Amino acid sequence: MIQAPRFAALPQLRVGVQKNRPPFDFVDADGRHAGLAADVLQTLAEHTGLKFAMVVDESTEHLLGRLHK
């Protein structure tokens, strides 16, 4: 794992997840983030030590509003 010291000091980064945008971004039957975006975030977390908090909603507009809070 490549973990820059500055990454370790960061809080969890909030990431917007759309519930139903397969194959890119969706929530599976078990309620887990899945798809290409989930794979990319998992790889980033493994290689950098970054931590992500998922914010799930139906639309981009709703996500943007929730992420700005």
N, C-alpha and C. Protein backbone atom coordinates (compact mmCIF):
# COMPACT_ATOMS: atom_id res chain seq x y z
N MET A 1 0.85 -1.18 0.00
CA MET A 1 0.00 0.00 0.00
C MET A 1 0.90 1.24 0.00
N ILE A 2 0.57 2.19 -0.85
CA ILE A 2 1.25 3.47 -0.88
C ILE A 2 0.40 4.42 -0.04
N GLN A 3 0.92 4.84 1.08
CA GLN A 3 0.12 5.70 1.94
C GLN A 3 0.91 6.95 2.29
N ALA A 4 0.59 8.02 1.63
CA ALA A 4 1.24 9.29 1.93
C ALA A 4 0.77 9.77 3.30
N PRO A 5 1.67 10.32 4.11
CA PRO A 5 1.28 10.80 5.44
C PRO A 5 0.10 11.77 5.42
N ARG A 6 0.02 12.59 4.39
CA ARG A 6 -1.09 13.56 4.35
C ARG A 6 -2.44 12.87 4.22
N PHE A 7 -2.49 11.69 3.59
CA PHE A 7 -3.75 10.96 3.46
C PHE A 7 -4.22 10.41 4.80
N ALA A 8 -3.30 9.96 5.61
CA ALA A 8 -3.65 9.37 6.90
C ALA A 8 -4.34 10.39 7.80
N ALA A 9 -4.01 11.65 7.63
CA ALA A 9 -4.58 12.70 8.48
C ALA A 9 -5.96 13.17 8.02
N LEU A 10 -6.36 12.77 6.84
CA LEU A 10 -7.65 13.22 6.30
C LEU A 10 -8.81 12.50 6.97
N PRO A 11 -9.93 13.20 7.14
CA PRO A 11 -11.14 12.52 7.61
C PRO A 11 -11.71 11.69 6.46
N GLN A 12 -12.76 10.98 6.73
CA GLN A 12 -13.43 10.24 5.66
C GLN A 12 -13.89 11.22 4.59
N LEU A 13 -13.73 10.82 3.36
CA LEU A 13 -14.20 11.64 2.25
C LEU A 13 -15.60 11.16 1.87
N ARG A 14 -16.53 12.09 1.75
CA ARG A 14 -17.90 11.75 1.39
C ARG A 14 -18.00 11.61 -0.12
N VAL A 15 -18.62 10.50 -0.56
CA VAL A 15 -18.74 10.20 -1.97
C VAL A 15 -20.21 9.95 -2.30
N GLY A 16 -20.71 10.61 -3.34
CA GLY A 16 -22.09 10.42 -3.76
C GLY A 16 -22.27 9.14 -4.56
N VAL A 17 -23.29 8.36 -4.21
CA VAL A 17 -23.59 7.10 -4.88
C VAL A 17 -25.03 7.15 -5.34
N GLN A 18 -25.22 6.96 -6.65
CA GLN A 18 -26.59 6.88 -7.16
C GLN A 18 -27.06 5.44 -7.04
N LYS A 19 -28.27 5.25 -6.55
CA LYS A 19 -28.80 3.92 -6.27
C LYS A 19 -28.91 3.03 -7.50
N ASN A 20 -29.18 3.61 -8.65
CA ASN A 20 -29.53 2.76 -9.80
C ASN A 20 -28.92 3.27 -11.10
N ARG A 21 -27.59 3.18 -11.24
CA ARG A 21 -26.91 3.57 -12.47
C ARG A 21 -25.94 2.48 -12.93
N PRO A 22 -26.44 1.22 -13.00
CA PRO A 22 -25.53 0.15 -13.40
C PRO A 22 -25.06 0.35 -14.85
N PRO A 23 -23.90 -0.05 -15.20
CA PRO A 23 -22.93 -0.80 -14.41
C PRO A 23 -21.97 0.10 -13.65
N PHE A 24 -22.20 1.40 -13.69
CA PHE A 24 -21.24 2.34 -13.12
C PHE A 24 -21.38 2.52 -11.61
N ASP A 25 -22.59 2.70 -11.14
CA ASP A 25 -22.83 3.09 -9.76
C ASP A 25 -24.19 2.60 -9.35
N PHE A 26 -24.25 1.71 -8.34
CA PHE A 26 -25.54 1.25 -7.86
C PHE A 26 -25.38 0.59 -6.50
N VAL A 27 -26.52 0.32 -5.86
CA VAL A 27 -26.55 -0.38 -4.59
C VAL A 27 -27.10 -1.76 -4.87
N ASP A 28 -26.36 -2.81 -4.46
CA ASP A 28 -26.77 -4.18 -4.77
C ASP A 28 -27.88 -4.65 -3.83
N ALA A 29 -28.33 -5.90 -4.03
CA ALA A 29 -29.44 -6.45 -3.25
C ALA A 29 -29.12 -6.53 -1.76
N ASP A 30 -27.84 -6.57 -1.41
CA ASP A 30 -27.43 -6.61 0.00
C ASP A 30 -27.19 -5.23 0.59
N GLY A 31 -27.48 -4.17 -0.19
CA GLY A 31 -27.32 -2.81 0.30
C GLY A 31 -25.90 -2.27 0.21
N ARG A 32 -25.03 -2.95 -0.55
CA ARG A 32 -23.64 -2.51 -0.69
C ARG A 32 -23.45 -1.73 -1.98
N HIS A 33 -22.54 -0.76 -1.93
CA HIS A 33 -22.16 -0.01 -3.12
C HIS A 33 -21.48 -0.97 -4.09
N ALA A 34 -21.88 -0.92 -5.35
CA ALA A 34 -21.35 -1.84 -6.36
C ALA A 34 -21.16 -1.10 -7.68
N GLY A 35 -20.50 -1.75 -8.62
CA GLY A 35 -20.28 -1.18 -9.94
C GLY A 35 -18.87 -0.65 -10.11
N LEU A 36 -18.62 -0.06 -11.26
CA LEU A 36 -17.29 0.45 -11.60
C LEU A 36 -16.81 1.48 -10.59
N ALA A 37 -17.65 2.40 -10.19
CA ALA A 37 -17.25 3.42 -9.22
C ALA A 37 -16.83 2.78 -7.89
N ALA A 38 -17.57 1.77 -7.44
CA ALA A 38 -17.22 1.08 -6.20
C ALA A 38 -15.87 0.39 -6.33
N ASP A 39 -15.60 -0.21 -7.49
CA ASP A 39 -14.32 -0.88 -7.71
C ASP A 39 -13.16 0.12 -7.67
N VAL A 40 -13.36 1.27 -8.30
CA VAL A 40 -12.31 2.30 -8.32
C VAL A 40 -12.05 2.82 -6.91
N LEU A 41 -13.11 3.10 -6.16
CA LEU A 41 -12.95 3.60 -4.79
C LEU A 41 -12.27 2.56 -3.90
N GLN A 42 -12.62 1.28 -4.07
CA GLN A 42 -11.99 0.23 -3.28
C GLN A 42 -10.49 0.15 -3.58
N THR A 43 -10.12 0.27 -4.85
CA THR A 43 -8.71 0.25 -5.23
C THR A 43 -7.97 1.44 -4.66
N LEU A 44 -8.58 2.62 -4.73
CA LEU A 44 -7.97 3.82 -4.13
C LEU A 44 -7.76 3.63 -2.63
N ALA A 45 -8.76 3.10 -1.95
CA ALA A 45 -8.66 2.90 -0.51
C ALA A 45 -7.53 1.92 -0.19
N GLU A 46 -7.43 0.85 -0.94
CA GLU A 46 -6.40 -0.16 -0.69
C GLU A 46 -4.99 0.39 -0.93
N HIS A 47 -4.83 1.23 -1.93
CA HIS A 47 -3.50 1.71 -2.30
C HIS A 47 -3.07 3.00 -1.60
N THR A 48 -4.02 3.72 -1.04
CA THR A 48 -3.67 5.01 -0.43
C THR A 48 -4.00 5.09 1.05
N GLY A 49 -4.89 4.24 1.52
CA GLY A 49 -5.34 4.35 2.90
C GLY A 49 -6.47 5.34 3.09
N LEU A 50 -6.92 5.97 2.01
CA LEU A 50 -8.06 6.89 2.12
C LEU A 50 -9.29 6.14 2.59
N LYS A 51 -10.16 6.85 3.30
CA LYS A 51 -11.41 6.27 3.78
C LYS A 51 -12.57 7.04 3.14
N PHE A 52 -13.58 6.29 2.73
CA PHE A 52 -14.72 6.90 2.05
C PHE A 52 -16.00 6.60 2.80
N ALA A 53 -16.87 7.60 2.88
CA ALA A 53 -18.21 7.45 3.44
C ALA A 53 -19.20 7.66 2.29
N MET A 54 -20.03 6.67 2.05
CA MET A 54 -20.97 6.73 0.94
C MET A 54 -22.23 7.50 1.33
N VAL A 55 -22.64 8.39 0.45
CA VAL A 55 -23.90 9.12 0.59
C VAL A 55 -24.76 8.67 -0.58
N VAL A 56 -25.83 7.95 -0.28
CA VAL A 56 -26.64 7.31 -1.32
C VAL A 56 -27.93 8.09 -1.55
N ASP A 57 -28.27 8.28 -2.83
CA ASP A 57 -29.55 8.92 -3.18
C ASP A 57 -29.92 8.53 -4.59
N GLU A 58 -31.10 8.96 -5.02
CA GLU A 58 -31.63 8.59 -6.34
C GLU A 58 -31.05 9.39 -7.49
N SER A 59 -30.77 10.67 -7.28
CA SER A 59 -30.39 11.53 -8.39
C SER A 59 -29.16 12.37 -8.08
N THR A 60 -28.53 12.84 -9.12
CA THR A 60 -27.37 13.71 -8.98
C THR A 60 -27.74 14.98 -8.23
N GLU A 61 -28.90 15.54 -8.54
CA GLU A 61 -29.32 16.78 -7.90
C GLU A 61 -29.45 16.60 -6.39
N HIS A 62 -30.09 15.51 -5.97
CA HIS A 62 -30.24 15.25 -4.54
C HIS A 62 -28.88 15.01 -3.88
N LEU A 63 -28.01 14.27 -4.57
CA LEU A 63 -26.68 14.00 -4.02
C LEU A 63 -25.89 15.28 -3.82
N LEU A 64 -25.92 16.15 -4.79
CA LEU A 64 -25.18 17.41 -4.68
C LEU A 64 -25.64 18.21 -3.48
N GLY A 65 -26.95 18.26 -3.27
CA GLY A 65 -27.48 18.95 -2.11
C GLY A 65 -27.04 18.34 -0.80
N ARG A 66 -27.01 17.02 -0.74
CA ARG A 66 -26.61 16.33 0.48
C ARG A 66 -25.11 16.41 0.72
N LEU A 67 -24.32 16.40 -0.32
CA LEU A 67 -22.86 16.43 -0.17
C LEU A 67 -22.36 17.81 0.25
N HIS A 68 -23.12 18.85 -0.05
CA HIS A 68 -22.70 20.21 0.31
C HIS A 68 -22.97 20.55 1.76
N LYS A 69 -23.67 19.66 2.47
CA LYS A 69 -24.01 19.90 3.88
C LYS A 69 -22.82 19.56 4.75
